[in-house]
Amino acid sequence: MRKQRWIAEVGQENATFLATRSRTAVLASEYRPRDVGDGTVAYDERSLGAARELSEEEEGAITDDGEGLRVWVGDDAFDLEEQG
């Protein structure tokens, strides 16, 4: 079975923040976003689900609307692209 993964180019500072200091970063490892280098963060099914539970005001919140699937850091939204 193929695992789904979503990635976003968020910049190095934001990738580090999301992976180490966001609210989901303190959860068990399978629920954390991953900093995969070059300013990119990756989510699998579990970490995406955990981030969807954040309120819209929290750093690392996920929205899925007419503009697509996005992760938010401050006032900035970054598009999440599905990878195979």
C-alpha atoms as a PDB file:
ATOM      1  CA  MET A   1       0.000   0.000   0.000  1.00  0.00           C
ATOM      2  CA  ARG A   2       1.326   3.416  -0.979  1.00  0.00           C
ATOM      3  CA  LYS A   3       1.664   6.010   1.762  1.00  0.00           C
ATOM      4  CA  GLN A   4       0.391   9.462   0.987  1.00  0.00           C
ATOM      5  CA  ARG A   5       2.606  12.452   1.645  1.00  0.00           C
ATOM      6  CA  TRP A   6       2.120  16.189   1.229  1.00  0.00           C
ATOM      7  CA  ILE A   7       4.942  18.713   1.040  1.00  0.00           C
ATOM      8  CA  ALA A   8       5.140  22.506   1.166  1.00  0.00           C
ATOM      9  CA  GLU A   9       7.998  24.893   0.598  1.00  0.00           C
ATOM     10  CA  VAL A  10       7.728  27.125   3.645  1.00  0.00           C
ATOM     11  CA  GLY A  11      11.283  28.443   4.092  1.00  0.00           C
ATOM     12  CA  GLN A  12      13.905  27.096   6.457  1.00  0.00           C
ATOM     13  CA  GLU A  13      12.804  29.025   9.546  1.00  0.00           C
ATOM     14  CA  ASN A  14       9.163  27.949   9.153  1.00  0.00           C
ATOM     15  CA  ALA A  15      10.087  24.322   8.399  1.00  0.00           C
ATOM     16  CA  THR A  16      12.185  24.173  11.558  1.00  0.00           C
ATOM     17  CA  PHE A  17       9.405  25.813  13.579  1.00  0.00           C
ATOM     18  CA  LEU A  18       6.693  23.459  12.300  1.00  0.00           C
ATOM     19  CA  ALA A  19       8.819  20.373  12.949  1.00  0.00           C
ATOM     20  CA  THR A  20      10.171  21.332  16.376  1.00  0.00           C
ATOM     21  CA  ARG A  21       8.138  24.071  18.072  1.00  0.00           C
ATOM     22  CA  SER A  22       4.567  23.987  16.760  1.00  0.00           C
ATOM     23  CA  ARG A  23       1.816  22.446  18.847  1.00  0.00           C
ATOM     24  CA  THR A  24       1.876  19.240  16.795  1.00  0.00           C
ATOM     25  CA  ALA A  25       5.666  18.969  17.224  1.00  0.00           C
ATOM     26  CA  VAL A  26       5.183  17.832  20.825  1.00  0.00           C
ATOM     27  CA  LEU A  27       2.999  14.880  19.837  1.00  0.00           C
ATOM     28  CA  ALA A  28       4.229  11.344  19.228  1.00  0.00           C
ATOM     29  CA  SER A  29       6.585  11.193  16.247  1.00  0.00           C
ATOM     30  CA  GLU A  30       4.002   9.727  13.876  1.00  0.00           C
ATOM     31  CA  TYR A  31       1.834  12.855  14.326  1.00  0.00           C
ATOM     32  CA  ARG A  32       4.579  15.435  13.703  1.00  0.00           C
ATOM     33  CA  PRO A  33       5.354  17.250  10.464  1.00  0.00           C
ATOM     34  CA  ARG A  34       8.890  16.619   9.188  1.00  0.00           C
ATOM     35  CA  ASP A  35      11.488  19.155   8.126  1.00  0.00           C
ATOM     36  CA  VAL A  36      12.893  17.439   5.025  1.00  0.00           C
ATOM     37  CA  GLY A  37      15.471  20.122   4.222  1.00  0.00           C
ATOM     38  CA  ASP A  38      15.737  23.031   1.813  1.00  0.00           C
ATOM     39  CA  GLY A  39      12.880  24.866   3.556  1.00  0.00           C
ATOM     40  CA  THR A  40      10.406  22.066   2.902  1.00  0.00           C
ATOM     41  CA  VAL A  41       8.064  20.440   5.382  1.00  0.00           C
ATOM     42  CA  ALA A  42       6.329  17.080   4.829  1.00  0.00           C
ATOM     43  CA  TYR A  43       3.148  15.608   6.260  1.00  0.00           C
ATOM     44  CA  ASP A  44       1.909  12.042   6.063  1.00  0.00           C
ATOM     45  CA  GLU A  45      -1.678  10.978   6.741  1.00  0.00           C
ATOM     46  CA  ARG A  46      -1.319  11.007  10.538  1.00  0.00           C
ATOM     47  CA  SER A  47       0.584  14.277  10.853  1.00  0.00           C
ATOM     48  CA  LEU A  48      -1.798  15.988   8.422  1.00  0.00           C
ATOM     49  CA  GLY A  49      -4.748  14.734  10.466  1.00  0.00           C
ATOM     50  CA  ALA A  50      -3.213  16.076  13.681  1.00  0.00           C
ATOM     51  CA  ALA A  51      -2.538  19.481  12.091  1.00  0.00           C
ATOM     52  CA  ARG A  52      -6.145  19.640  10.843  1.00  0.00           C
ATOM     53  CA  GLU A  53      -7.242  19.540  14.492  1.00  0.00           C
ATOM     54  CA  LEU A  54      -5.550  22.886  15.209  1.00  0.00           C
ATOM     55  CA  SER A  55      -7.754  25.952  15.306  1.00  0.00           C
ATOM     56  CA  GLU A  56      -7.309  28.468  12.501  1.00  0.00           C
ATOM     57  CA  GLU A  57      -5.538  30.847  14.894  1.00  0.00           C
ATOM     58  CA  GLU A  58      -2.769  28.370  15.728  1.00  0.00           C
ATOM     59  CA  GLU A  59       0.572  28.199  13.932  1.00  0.00           C
ATOM     60  CA  GLY A  60       0.682  25.211  11.608  1.00  0.00           C
ATOM     61  CA  ALA A  61      -3.082  25.078  11.056  1.00  0.00           C
ATOM     62  CA  ILE A  62      -4.243  23.358   7.873  1.00  0.00           C
ATOM     63  CA  THR A  63      -7.015  24.676   5.661  1.00  0.00           C
ATOM     64  CA  ASP A  64      -8.640  22.904   2.748  1.00  0.00           C
ATOM     65  CA  ASP A  65     -10.880  25.191   0.747  1.00  0.00           C
ATOM     66  CA  GLY A  66     -11.392  26.524  -2.772  1.00  0.00           C
ATOM     67  CA  GLU A  67      -7.778  27.693  -2.805  1.00  0.00           C
ATOM     68  CA  GLY A  68      -6.484  24.205  -2.006  1.00  0.00           C
ATOM     69  CA  LEU A  69      -4.763  22.476   0.890  1.00  0.00           C
ATOM     70  CA  ARG A  70      -2.521  24.915   2.767  1.00  0.00           C
ATOM     71  CA  VAL A  71      -0.489  25.185   5.960  1.00  0.00           C
ATOM     72  CA  TRP A  72      -0.438  28.506   7.804  1.00  0.00           C
ATOM     73  CA  VAL A  73       2.407  30.172   9.686  1.00  0.00           C
ATOM     74  CA  GLY A  74       1.408  33.603  10.924  1.00  0.00           C
ATOM     75  CA  ASP A  75      -0.414  35.397   8.118  1.00  0.00           C
ATOM     76  CA  ASP A  76       1.330  33.332   5.423  1.00  0.00           C
ATOM     77  CA  ALA A  77      -0.233  30.318   3.723  1.00  0.00           C
ATOM     78  CA  PHE A  78       1.832  27.701   1.902  1.00  0.00           C
ATOM     79  CA  ASP A  79       0.367  25.261  -0.606  1.00  0.00           C
ATOM     80  CA  LEU A  80       0.647  21.574   0.227  1.00  0.00           C
ATOM     81  CA  GLU A  81       1.226  19.359  -2.803  1.00  0.00           C
ATOM     82  CA  GLU A  82       0.477  15.649  -2.703  1.00  0.00           C
ATOM     83  CA  GLN A  83       3.406  13.349  -3.441  1.00  0.00           C
ATOM     84  CA  GLY A  84       3.214   9.688  -4.416  1.00  0.00           C
END
